[in-house]
């Protein structure tokens, strides 16, 4: 696994020791990032939830994001994430928050509402199968709705066989794409669809 493009291009990334981590395959990650290229070129502030190795947030910074906040609960994976940031020389653009997303994100939303332009949500396998439709998942998405700036975008990766796109009052589904075994849904704040993709 490696960074595909930008200032950290071709830097190798460690996937980490946790079998629950589902690395976003390079081809799919590249397609997702290419679709987001205009947003990334504008220097957005990014949030990478269930960050794992940090591949999505790292790729975003490499391609132009001003900063990224990484949220990860697993201790061993946190070390991998920190090592990957150091290997890519992107530590100064990154903030790593250790803990469960459903606990950290509401606190972050209280402290920094409207501060995030682009969110990657790549939940562990069990949560992805449930489509984030449980109390913890709903708490995460509710906090993301408060963190997003006007025109902000959330990208949610689910397993491809999940048939129904989750619906939340604060967010509007604007794009639905399959990348191999993964399905990526893009949501924007319902109150502002002027930058709809």
N, C-alpha and C. Protein backbone atom coordinates (compact mmCIF):
# COMPACT_ATOMS: atom_id res chain seq x y z
N UNK A 1 0.85 -1.18 0.00
CA UNK A 1 0.00 0.00 0.00
C UNK A 1 0.90 1.24 0.00
N UNK A 2 0.49 2.26 -0.78
CA UNK A 2 1.33 3.45 -0.91
C UNK A 2 0.46 4.68 -1.13
N UNK A 3 1.04 5.84 -0.95
CA UNK A 3 0.38 7.10 -1.31
C UNK A 3 0.43 7.21 -2.82
N UNK A 4 -0.71 7.53 -3.43
CA UNK A 4 -0.80 7.46 -4.88
C UNK A 4 -0.31 8.72 -5.56
N UNK A 5 -0.63 9.89 -5.00
CA UNK A 5 -0.31 11.14 -5.69
C UNK A 5 0.01 12.25 -4.70
N UNK A 6 0.57 13.35 -5.21
CA UNK A 6 0.83 14.51 -4.38
C UNK A 6 2.23 14.51 -3.79
N UNK A 7 2.43 15.32 -2.75
CA UNK A 7 3.78 15.52 -2.23
C UNK A 7 4.36 14.30 -1.55
N UNK A 8 3.54 13.36 -1.09
CA UNK A 8 4.05 12.12 -0.49
C UNK A 8 3.94 10.94 -1.44
N UNK A 9 3.80 11.22 -2.70
CA UNK A 9 3.60 10.18 -3.72
C UNK A 9 4.62 9.05 -3.61
N UNK A 10 4.11 7.82 -3.73
CA UNK A 10 4.90 6.58 -3.73
C UNK A 10 5.48 6.21 -2.37
N UNK A 11 5.17 6.97 -1.33
CA UNK A 11 5.60 6.58 0.02
C UNK A 11 4.79 5.38 0.46
N UNK A 12 5.47 4.34 0.96
CA UNK A 12 4.77 3.13 1.38
C UNK A 12 4.05 3.37 2.70
N UNK A 13 2.89 2.74 2.85
CA UNK A 13 2.08 2.83 4.06
C UNK A 13 1.90 1.44 4.64
N UNK A 14 2.00 1.34 5.96
CA UNK A 14 1.76 0.08 6.65
C UNK A 14 0.27 -0.03 6.93
N UNK A 15 -0.35 -1.17 6.64
CA UNK A 15 -1.77 -1.36 6.88
C UNK A 15 -2.10 -1.57 8.35
N UNK A 16 -1.11 -1.98 9.14
CA UNK A 16 -1.34 -2.17 10.57
C UNK A 16 -1.70 -3.59 10.94
N UNK A 17 -1.71 -3.90 12.25
CA UNK A 17 -1.87 -5.26 12.72
C UNK A 17 -3.30 -5.72 12.96
N UNK A 18 -4.26 -4.78 12.94
CA UNK A 18 -5.63 -5.13 13.34
C UNK A 18 -6.39 -5.75 12.17
N UNK A 19 -6.86 -7.01 12.29
CA UNK A 19 -7.59 -7.64 11.18
C UNK A 19 -8.93 -6.99 10.89
N UNK A 20 -9.46 -6.18 11.83
CA UNK A 20 -10.73 -5.49 11.59
C UNK A 20 -10.55 -4.29 10.66
N UNK A 21 -9.30 -3.85 10.49
CA UNK A 21 -9.02 -2.75 9.57
C UNK A 21 -9.23 -3.24 8.14
N UNK A 22 -9.94 -2.45 7.35
CA UNK A 22 -10.21 -2.82 5.96
C UNK A 22 -9.52 -1.81 5.05
N UNK A 23 -8.29 -2.04 4.67
CA UNK A 23 -7.62 -1.04 3.83
C UNK A 23 -8.40 -0.79 2.54
N UNK A 24 -8.50 0.47 2.19
CA UNK A 24 -9.16 0.87 0.94
C UNK A 24 -8.18 0.55 -0.17
N UNK A 25 -8.53 -0.39 -1.05
CA UNK A 25 -7.61 -0.82 -2.10
C UNK A 25 -7.15 0.37 -2.93
N UNK A 26 -5.91 0.30 -3.38
CA UNK A 26 -5.26 1.44 -4.02
C UNK A 26 -6.05 1.96 -5.21
N UNK A 27 -6.55 1.08 -6.05
CA UNK A 27 -7.28 1.51 -7.24
C UNK A 27 -8.55 2.27 -6.84
N UNK A 28 -9.28 1.74 -5.85
CA UNK A 28 -10.51 2.39 -5.39
C UNK A 28 -10.19 3.72 -4.70
N UNK A 29 -9.14 3.74 -3.89
CA UNK A 29 -8.75 4.98 -3.21
C UNK A 29 -8.37 6.04 -4.23
N UNK A 30 -7.65 5.62 -5.26
CA UNK A 30 -7.27 6.56 -6.31
C UNK A 30 -8.47 7.13 -7.03
N UNK A 31 -9.46 6.28 -7.35
CA UNK A 31 -10.67 6.75 -8.03
C UNK A 31 -11.44 7.73 -7.16
N UNK A 32 -11.55 7.43 -5.87
CA UNK A 32 -12.24 8.33 -4.94
C UNK A 32 -11.53 9.67 -4.87
N UNK A 33 -10.21 9.66 -4.72
CA UNK A 33 -9.46 10.90 -4.59
C UNK A 33 -9.46 11.70 -5.89
N UNK A 34 -9.43 11.03 -7.02
CA UNK A 34 -9.50 11.75 -8.29
C UNK A 34 -10.83 12.48 -8.43
N UNK A 35 -11.91 11.85 -7.97
CA UNK A 35 -13.22 12.49 -8.02
C UNK A 35 -13.28 13.71 -7.10
N UNK A 36 -12.48 13.68 -6.03
CA UNK A 36 -12.46 14.78 -5.06
C UNK A 36 -11.39 15.81 -5.37
N UNK A 37 -10.67 15.66 -6.48
CA UNK A 37 -9.53 16.51 -6.78
C UNK A 37 -9.82 18.00 -6.68
N UNK A 38 -10.94 18.52 -7.23
CA UNK A 38 -11.18 19.97 -7.12
C UNK A 38 -11.32 20.43 -5.66
N UNK A 39 -11.93 19.62 -4.83
CA UNK A 39 -12.07 19.97 -3.41
C UNK A 39 -10.71 19.93 -2.72
N UNK A 40 -9.92 18.93 -3.01
CA UNK A 40 -8.62 18.80 -2.37
C UNK A 40 -7.69 19.94 -2.78
N UNK A 41 -7.79 20.37 -4.02
CA UNK A 41 -6.95 21.48 -4.49
C UNK A 41 -7.28 22.78 -3.77
N UNK A 42 -8.49 22.89 -3.22
CA UNK A 42 -8.91 24.10 -2.52
C UNK A 42 -8.39 24.15 -1.08
N UNK A 43 -7.66 23.12 -0.65
CA UNK A 43 -7.07 23.12 0.68
C UNK A 43 -8.07 22.92 1.81
N UNK A 44 -8.90 21.89 1.74
CA UNK A 44 -9.91 21.69 2.78
C UNK A 44 -9.31 21.19 4.09
N UNK A 45 -10.12 21.32 5.14
CA UNK A 45 -9.81 20.69 6.43
C UNK A 45 -10.56 19.37 6.46
N UNK A 46 -9.84 18.29 6.72
CA UNK A 46 -10.35 16.93 6.55
C UNK A 46 -10.46 16.23 7.90
N UNK A 47 -11.44 15.36 8.01
CA UNK A 47 -11.62 14.49 9.17
C UNK A 47 -11.64 13.05 8.67
N UNK A 48 -10.79 12.20 9.23
CA UNK A 48 -10.72 10.79 8.86
C UNK A 48 -11.17 9.97 10.07
N UNK A 49 -12.40 9.44 10.01
CA UNK A 49 -13.01 8.73 11.13
C UNK A 49 -12.79 7.23 10.96
N UNK A 50 -12.52 6.52 12.07
CA UNK A 50 -12.10 5.12 12.00
C UNK A 50 -10.89 5.05 11.07
N UNK A 51 -9.89 5.85 11.39
CA UNK A 51 -8.82 6.15 10.44
C UNK A 51 -7.95 4.95 10.07
N UNK A 52 -7.82 3.98 10.97
CA UNK A 52 -6.96 2.84 10.66
C UNK A 52 -5.54 3.29 10.36
N UNK A 53 -5.02 2.90 9.22
CA UNK A 53 -3.66 3.26 8.81
C UNK A 53 -3.53 4.74 8.49
N UNK A 54 -4.67 5.42 8.31
CA UNK A 54 -4.66 6.83 7.93
C UNK A 54 -4.56 7.06 6.44
N UNK A 55 -4.70 6.01 5.63
CA UNK A 55 -4.46 6.12 4.19
C UNK A 55 -5.31 7.19 3.52
N UNK A 56 -6.59 7.30 3.91
CA UNK A 56 -7.45 8.29 3.25
C UNK A 56 -7.04 9.71 3.61
N UNK A 57 -6.89 9.98 4.90
CA UNK A 57 -6.48 11.32 5.32
C UNK A 57 -5.10 11.69 4.82
N UNK A 58 -4.18 10.74 4.84
CA UNK A 58 -2.83 10.99 4.34
C UNK A 58 -2.86 11.31 2.85
N UNK A 59 -3.62 10.54 2.10
CA UNK A 59 -3.74 10.82 0.66
C UNK A 59 -4.32 12.21 0.43
N UNK A 60 -5.30 12.59 1.26
CA UNK A 60 -5.92 13.92 1.11
C UNK A 60 -4.91 15.03 1.38
N UNK A 61 -4.12 14.91 2.45
CA UNK A 61 -3.11 15.92 2.73
C UNK A 61 -2.08 15.97 1.60
N UNK A 62 -1.65 14.80 1.16
CA UNK A 62 -0.66 14.73 0.09
C UNK A 62 -1.14 15.47 -1.15
N UNK A 63 -2.47 15.42 -1.39
CA UNK A 63 -3.03 16.03 -2.61
C UNK A 63 -3.49 17.47 -2.40
N UNK A 64 -3.29 18.04 -1.23
CA UNK A 64 -3.60 19.46 -1.08
C UNK A 64 -4.42 19.87 0.11
N UNK A 65 -4.96 18.93 0.88
CA UNK A 65 -5.73 19.31 2.06
C UNK A 65 -4.86 20.10 3.03
N UNK A 66 -5.43 21.12 3.65
CA UNK A 66 -4.68 21.97 4.57
C UNK A 66 -4.32 21.23 5.85
N UNK A 67 -5.23 20.36 6.31
CA UNK A 67 -5.00 19.63 7.55
C UNK A 67 -5.94 18.43 7.60
N UNK A 68 -5.63 17.51 8.50
CA UNK A 68 -6.50 16.36 8.72
C UNK A 68 -6.50 15.99 10.20
N UNK A 69 -7.69 15.68 10.70
CA UNK A 69 -7.87 15.13 12.03
C UNK A 69 -8.16 13.64 11.86
N UNK A 70 -7.40 12.80 12.53
CA UNK A 70 -7.57 11.35 12.45
C UNK A 70 -8.14 10.85 13.77
N UNK A 71 -9.20 10.05 13.70
CA UNK A 71 -9.82 9.48 14.89
C UNK A 71 -9.71 7.97 14.81
N UNK A 72 -9.07 7.37 15.82
CA UNK A 72 -8.85 5.91 15.84
C UNK A 72 -8.82 5.44 17.29
N UNK A 73 -9.43 4.28 17.55
CA UNK A 73 -9.53 3.77 18.92
C UNK A 73 -8.49 2.70 19.25
N UNK A 74 -8.07 1.92 18.26
CA UNK A 74 -7.19 0.79 18.52
C UNK A 74 -5.76 1.24 18.75
N UNK A 75 -5.16 0.83 19.88
CA UNK A 75 -3.82 1.33 20.25
C UNK A 75 -2.74 0.92 19.25
N UNK A 76 -2.74 -0.33 18.86
CA UNK A 76 -1.70 -0.77 17.92
C UNK A 76 -1.85 -0.06 16.58
N UNK A 77 -3.08 0.14 16.15
CA UNK A 77 -3.32 0.83 14.89
C UNK A 77 -2.92 2.30 14.98
N UNK A 78 -3.10 2.90 16.15
CA UNK A 78 -2.66 4.28 16.35
C UNK A 78 -1.16 4.43 16.12
N UNK A 79 -0.40 3.44 16.56
CA UNK A 79 1.05 3.49 16.33
C UNK A 79 1.36 3.41 14.84
N UNK A 80 0.64 2.54 14.14
CA UNK A 80 0.82 2.44 12.69
C UNK A 80 0.50 3.77 12.02
N UNK A 81 -0.60 4.39 12.43
CA UNK A 81 -1.01 5.67 11.87
C UNK A 81 0.07 6.73 12.09
N UNK A 82 0.58 6.81 13.31
CA UNK A 82 1.64 7.78 13.61
C UNK A 82 2.90 7.51 12.79
N UNK A 83 3.24 6.23 12.65
CA UNK A 83 4.42 5.87 11.84
C UNK A 83 4.22 6.27 10.38
N UNK A 84 3.01 6.05 9.86
CA UNK A 84 2.73 6.41 8.46
C UNK A 84 2.83 7.92 8.25
N UNK A 85 2.30 8.70 9.19
CA UNK A 85 2.38 10.15 9.08
C UNK A 85 3.85 10.61 9.10
N UNK A 86 4.63 10.00 9.98
CA UNK A 86 6.04 10.36 10.08
C UNK A 86 6.78 9.97 8.80
N UNK A 87 6.50 8.79 8.28
CA UNK A 87 7.16 8.33 7.05
C UNK A 87 6.85 9.27 5.88
N UNK A 88 5.62 9.80 5.86
CA UNK A 88 5.21 10.70 4.78
C UNK A 88 5.59 12.15 5.04
N UNK A 89 6.13 12.42 6.24
CA UNK A 89 6.51 13.78 6.65
C UNK A 89 5.31 14.72 6.62
N UNK A 90 4.20 14.24 7.17
CA UNK A 90 2.97 15.03 7.18
C UNK A 90 2.47 15.31 8.60
N UNK A 91 3.31 15.08 9.60
CA UNK A 91 2.86 15.24 10.99
C UNK A 91 2.37 16.65 11.29
N UNK A 92 2.98 17.66 10.70
CA UNK A 92 2.61 19.03 11.01
C UNK A 92 1.22 19.38 10.51
N UNK A 93 0.71 18.64 9.54
CA UNK A 93 -0.63 18.89 9.00
C UNK A 93 -1.68 17.99 9.63
N UNK A 94 -1.29 17.19 10.62
CA UNK A 94 -2.19 16.17 11.15
C UNK A 94 -2.39 16.32 12.66
N UNK A 95 -3.58 15.94 13.10
CA UNK A 95 -3.88 15.82 14.52
C UNK A 95 -4.51 14.45 14.73
N UNK A 96 -3.97 13.65 15.62
CA UNK A 96 -4.47 12.30 15.88
C UNK A 96 -5.19 12.30 17.22
N UNK A 97 -6.45 11.87 17.21
CA UNK A 97 -7.26 11.78 18.42
C UNK A 97 -7.53 10.32 18.71
N UNK A 98 -7.10 9.87 19.88
CA UNK A 98 -7.23 8.46 20.27
C UNK A 98 -8.50 8.25 21.07
N UNK A 99 -9.34 7.34 20.60
CA UNK A 99 -10.56 7.01 21.33
C UNK A 99 -11.68 6.65 20.38
N UNK A 100 -12.82 6.34 20.97
CA UNK A 100 -13.98 5.91 20.19
C UNK A 100 -14.64 7.11 19.51
N UNK A 101 -14.97 6.94 18.25
CA UNK A 101 -15.52 8.05 17.47
C UNK A 101 -16.80 8.61 18.09
N UNK A 102 -17.64 7.74 18.63
CA UNK A 102 -18.91 8.22 19.18
C UNK A 102 -18.73 9.06 20.44
N UNK A 103 -17.55 8.97 21.06
CA UNK A 103 -17.22 9.81 22.22
C UNK A 103 -16.48 11.07 21.79
N UNK A 104 -15.50 10.92 20.93
CA UNK A 104 -14.64 12.03 20.53
C UNK A 104 -15.36 13.05 19.65
N UNK A 105 -16.13 12.58 18.67
CA UNK A 105 -16.69 13.50 17.69
C UNK A 105 -17.71 14.48 18.28
N UNK A 106 -18.61 14.05 19.19
CA UNK A 106 -19.50 15.05 19.80
C UNK A 106 -18.73 16.14 20.56
N UNK A 107 -17.65 15.75 21.24
CA UNK A 107 -16.83 16.74 21.94
C UNK A 107 -16.15 17.69 20.95
N UNK A 108 -15.66 17.14 19.86
CA UNK A 108 -15.01 17.96 18.83
C UNK A 108 -16.02 18.91 18.19
N UNK A 109 -17.23 18.42 17.96
CA UNK A 109 -18.27 19.26 17.36
C UNK A 109 -18.67 20.39 18.29
N UNK A 110 -18.69 20.15 19.60
CA UNK A 110 -18.98 21.22 20.57
C UNK A 110 -17.89 22.28 20.54
N UNK A 111 -16.64 21.84 20.41
CA UNK A 111 -15.51 22.77 20.47
C UNK A 111 -15.24 23.47 19.14
N UNK A 112 -15.50 22.78 18.02
CA UNK A 112 -15.10 23.30 16.71
C UNK A 112 -16.21 23.12 15.66
N UNK A 113 -17.41 23.63 15.92
CA UNK A 113 -18.49 23.44 14.94
C UNK A 113 -18.18 24.09 13.60
N UNK A 114 -18.58 23.44 12.52
CA UNK A 114 -18.41 24.01 11.19
C UNK A 114 -16.97 24.13 10.74
N UNK A 115 -16.06 23.33 11.32
CA UNK A 115 -14.63 23.49 11.04
C UNK A 115 -14.09 22.52 9.99
N UNK A 116 -14.92 21.59 9.52
CA UNK A 116 -14.45 20.52 8.63
C UNK A 116 -15.14 20.63 7.27
N UNK A 117 -14.35 20.48 6.22
CA UNK A 117 -14.88 20.56 4.85
C UNK A 117 -15.13 19.20 4.22
N UNK A 118 -14.37 18.20 4.64
CA UNK A 118 -14.44 16.88 4.01
C UNK A 118 -14.21 15.81 5.06
N UNK A 119 -15.12 14.84 5.12
CA UNK A 119 -15.04 13.77 6.11
C UNK A 119 -15.00 12.42 5.40
N UNK A 120 -14.06 11.57 5.82
CA UNK A 120 -14.03 10.18 5.38
C UNK A 120 -14.48 9.31 6.55
N UNK A 121 -15.52 8.51 6.33
CA UNK A 121 -15.99 7.58 7.35
C UNK A 121 -15.83 6.18 6.77
N UNK A 122 -14.93 5.41 7.36
CA UNK A 122 -14.61 4.07 6.87
C UNK A 122 -14.71 3.11 8.06
N UNK A 123 -15.95 2.77 8.46
CA UNK A 123 -16.12 2.03 9.73
C UNK A 123 -15.62 0.60 9.66
N UNK A 124 -15.35 0.02 10.85
CA UNK A 124 -14.98 -1.40 10.89
C UNK A 124 -16.07 -2.25 10.25
N UNK A 125 -15.69 -3.45 9.90
CA UNK A 125 -16.57 -4.32 9.11
C UNK A 125 -17.98 -4.45 9.69
N UNK A 126 -18.11 -4.72 10.99
CA UNK A 126 -19.43 -4.93 11.58
C UNK A 126 -20.28 -3.68 11.47
N UNK A 127 -19.69 -2.51 11.73
CA UNK A 127 -20.44 -1.27 11.64
C UNK A 127 -20.82 -0.98 10.19
N UNK A 128 -19.92 -1.29 9.28
CA UNK A 128 -20.21 -1.06 7.87
C UNK A 128 -21.37 -1.93 7.40
N UNK A 129 -21.43 -3.16 7.91
CA UNK A 129 -22.54 -4.04 7.54
C UNK A 129 -23.87 -3.50 8.04
N UNK A 130 -23.84 -2.79 9.18
CA UNK A 130 -25.05 -2.23 9.75
C UNK A 130 -25.39 -0.86 9.15
N UNK A 131 -24.53 -0.34 8.29
CA UNK A 131 -24.78 0.96 7.69
C UNK A 131 -24.77 2.09 8.70
N UNK A 132 -24.03 1.90 9.80
CA UNK A 132 -23.93 2.91 10.85
C UNK A 132 -25.28 3.16 11.52
N UNK A 133 -26.20 2.22 11.37
CA UNK A 133 -27.55 2.41 11.91
C UNK A 133 -27.68 1.76 13.28
N UNK A 134 -26.94 2.29 14.25
CA UNK A 134 -27.04 1.88 15.64
C UNK A 134 -26.78 3.13 16.46
N UNK A 135 -26.95 3.11 17.78
CA UNK A 135 -26.78 4.35 18.56
C UNK A 135 -25.41 4.99 18.37
N UNK A 136 -24.34 4.18 18.36
CA UNK A 136 -23.00 4.75 18.19
C UNK A 136 -22.85 5.39 16.81
N UNK A 137 -23.31 4.69 15.78
CA UNK A 137 -23.21 5.22 14.43
C UNK A 137 -24.01 6.50 14.26
N UNK A 138 -25.20 6.53 14.84
CA UNK A 138 -26.02 7.75 14.75
C UNK A 138 -25.37 8.91 15.49
N UNK A 139 -24.70 8.64 16.61
CA UNK A 139 -24.00 9.69 17.35
C UNK A 139 -22.85 10.24 16.51
N UNK A 140 -22.15 9.36 15.81
CA UNK A 140 -21.04 9.78 14.95
C UNK A 140 -21.54 10.69 13.83
N UNK A 141 -22.60 10.25 13.15
CA UNK A 141 -23.12 11.03 12.02
C UNK A 141 -23.72 12.36 12.48
N UNK A 142 -24.39 12.35 13.62
CA UNK A 142 -24.94 13.60 14.15
C UNK A 142 -23.83 14.61 14.43
N UNK A 143 -22.73 14.14 15.02
CA UNK A 143 -21.60 15.03 15.29
C UNK A 143 -20.97 15.52 14.00
N UNK A 144 -20.88 14.66 13.00
CA UNK A 144 -20.33 15.07 11.71
C UNK A 144 -21.18 16.17 11.09
N UNK A 145 -22.50 16.05 11.22
CA UNK A 145 -23.39 17.09 10.71
C UNK A 145 -23.09 18.45 11.33
N UNK A 146 -22.68 18.47 12.60
CA UNK A 146 -22.34 19.73 13.26
C UNK A 146 -20.92 20.20 12.91
N UNK A 147 -20.06 19.26 12.60
CA UNK A 147 -18.67 19.61 12.26
C UNK A 147 -18.53 20.14 10.84
N UNK A 148 -19.40 19.71 9.94
CA UNK A 148 -19.26 20.11 8.54
C UNK A 148 -19.52 21.59 8.33
N UNK A 149 -18.65 22.22 7.55
CA UNK A 149 -18.86 23.60 7.11
C UNK A 149 -19.92 23.61 6.00
N UNK A 150 -20.53 24.78 5.71
CA UNK A 150 -21.46 24.85 4.59
C UNK A 150 -20.83 24.31 3.31
N UNK A 151 -21.55 23.46 2.61
CA UNK A 151 -21.02 22.83 1.41
C UNK A 151 -20.12 21.65 1.68
N UNK A 152 -19.92 21.31 2.96
CA UNK A 152 -19.05 20.20 3.32
C UNK A 152 -19.60 18.86 2.87
N UNK A 153 -18.70 17.90 2.74
CA UNK A 153 -19.04 16.59 2.18
C UNK A 153 -18.57 15.48 3.10
N UNK A 154 -19.42 14.47 3.26
CA UNK A 154 -19.04 13.26 4.00
C UNK A 154 -19.04 12.08 3.04
N UNK A 155 -17.96 11.32 3.05
CA UNK A 155 -17.84 10.11 2.25
C UNK A 155 -17.94 8.91 3.20
N UNK A 156 -18.90 8.03 2.95
CA UNK A 156 -19.13 6.86 3.81
C UNK A 156 -18.90 5.59 3.00
N UNK A 157 -17.99 4.76 3.47
CA UNK A 157 -17.71 3.49 2.80
C UNK A 157 -18.48 2.36 3.49
N UNK A 158 -19.25 1.62 2.70
CA UNK A 158 -20.00 0.47 3.18
C UNK A 158 -19.63 -0.75 2.36
N UNK A 159 -20.07 -1.90 2.85
CA UNK A 159 -19.91 -3.10 2.03
C UNK A 159 -20.88 -3.03 0.86
N UNK A 160 -20.47 -3.54 -0.28
CA UNK A 160 -21.25 -3.37 -1.51
C UNK A 160 -22.64 -4.01 -1.42
N UNK A 161 -22.80 -5.09 -0.65
CA UNK A 161 -24.10 -5.76 -0.60
C UNK A 161 -25.09 -5.10 0.35
N UNK A 162 -24.71 -3.98 0.96
CA UNK A 162 -25.65 -3.20 1.76
C UNK A 162 -26.58 -2.48 0.79
N UNK A 163 -27.88 -2.85 0.76
CA UNK A 163 -28.75 -2.41 -0.32
C UNK A 163 -29.28 -0.99 -0.15
N UNK A 164 -29.63 -0.59 1.05
CA UNK A 164 -30.25 0.71 1.25
C UNK A 164 -29.22 1.73 1.75
N UNK A 165 -29.20 2.89 1.12
CA UNK A 165 -28.33 3.97 1.59
C UNK A 165 -28.91 4.52 2.88
N UNK A 166 -28.10 4.64 3.93
CA UNK A 166 -28.61 5.21 5.18
C UNK A 166 -29.11 6.63 4.94
N UNK A 167 -30.12 7.02 5.71
CA UNK A 167 -30.69 8.37 5.61
C UNK A 167 -30.62 9.04 6.97
N UNK A 168 -30.17 10.30 6.96
CA UNK A 168 -30.12 11.09 8.18
C UNK A 168 -30.72 12.46 7.89
N UNK A 169 -31.45 13.03 8.86
CA UNK A 169 -32.13 14.30 8.62
C UNK A 169 -31.22 15.45 8.19
N UNK A 170 -30.02 15.52 8.73
CA UNK A 170 -29.15 16.66 8.47
C UNK A 170 -28.34 16.54 7.19
N UNK A 171 -28.35 15.35 6.57
CA UNK A 171 -27.49 15.12 5.41
C UNK A 171 -28.29 14.66 4.20
N UNK A 172 -27.84 15.06 3.03
CA UNK A 172 -28.49 14.69 1.78
C UNK A 172 -27.54 13.84 0.94
N UNK A 173 -28.00 12.68 0.50
CA UNK A 173 -27.20 11.81 -0.36
C UNK A 173 -27.07 12.47 -1.74
N UNK A 174 -25.82 12.65 -2.19
CA UNK A 174 -25.60 13.30 -3.48
C UNK A 174 -24.86 12.41 -4.48
N UNK A 175 -24.30 11.30 -4.02
CA UNK A 175 -23.58 10.43 -4.96
C UNK A 175 -23.47 9.04 -4.36
N UNK A 176 -23.55 8.03 -5.20
CA UNK A 176 -23.50 6.63 -4.78
C UNK A 176 -22.69 5.87 -5.83
N UNK A 177 -21.51 5.38 -5.43
CA UNK A 177 -20.62 4.71 -6.38
C UNK A 177 -20.09 3.42 -5.77
N UNK A 178 -19.86 2.42 -6.62
CA UNK A 178 -19.23 1.19 -6.18
C UNK A 178 -17.81 1.14 -6.71
N UNK A 179 -16.89 0.70 -5.82
CA UNK A 179 -15.49 0.53 -6.16
C UNK A 179 -15.11 -0.88 -5.72
N UNK A 180 -15.13 -1.83 -6.65
CA UNK A 180 -14.84 -3.21 -6.28
C UNK A 180 -15.88 -3.71 -5.27
N UNK A 181 -15.41 -4.21 -4.12
CA UNK A 181 -16.33 -4.74 -3.11
C UNK A 181 -16.89 -3.65 -2.21
N UNK A 182 -16.48 -2.43 -2.40
CA UNK A 182 -16.91 -1.33 -1.55
C UNK A 182 -17.92 -0.45 -2.25
N UNK A 183 -18.79 0.14 -1.46
CA UNK A 183 -19.74 1.13 -1.93
C UNK A 183 -19.46 2.42 -1.18
N UNK A 184 -19.33 3.53 -1.91
CA UNK A 184 -19.03 4.81 -1.28
C UNK A 184 -20.20 5.75 -1.54
N UNK A 185 -20.76 6.25 -0.45
CA UNK A 185 -21.89 7.19 -0.49
C UNK A 185 -21.38 8.56 -0.09
N UNK A 186 -21.78 9.58 -0.82
CA UNK A 186 -21.37 10.95 -0.51
C UNK A 186 -22.59 11.73 -0.05
N UNK A 187 -22.45 12.40 1.08
CA UNK A 187 -23.54 13.19 1.65
C UNK A 187 -23.07 14.63 1.85
N UNK A 188 -24.03 15.56 1.70
CA UNK A 188 -23.79 16.96 2.04
C UNK A 188 -24.83 17.42 3.04
N UNK A 189 -24.52 18.53 3.71
CA UNK A 189 -25.51 19.13 4.59
C UNK A 189 -26.76 19.46 3.78
N UNK A 190 -27.92 19.07 4.28
CA UNK A 190 -29.15 19.27 3.55
C UNK A 190 -29.46 20.74 3.32
N UNK A 191 -28.95 21.62 4.17
CA UNK A 191 -29.27 23.04 4.07
C UNK A 191 -28.47 23.73 2.97
N UNK A 192 -27.45 23.10 2.41
CA UNK A 192 -26.61 23.74 1.41
C UNK A 192 -26.19 22.73 0.36
N UNK A 193 -26.82 22.77 -0.80
CA UNK A 193 -26.47 21.83 -1.85
C UNK A 193 -25.88 22.54 -3.06
N UNK A 194 -25.38 23.76 -2.87
CA UNK A 194 -24.88 24.52 -4.00
C UNK A 194 -23.62 23.89 -4.63
N UNK A 195 -22.88 23.10 -3.83
CA UNK A 195 -21.67 22.48 -4.37
C UNK A 195 -21.90 20.99 -4.65
N UNK A 196 -23.14 20.63 -4.88
CA UNK A 196 -23.48 19.22 -5.07
C UNK A 196 -22.68 18.62 -6.22
N UNK A 197 -22.20 17.40 -6.00
CA UNK A 197 -21.39 16.72 -7.02
C UNK A 197 -22.26 15.82 -7.88
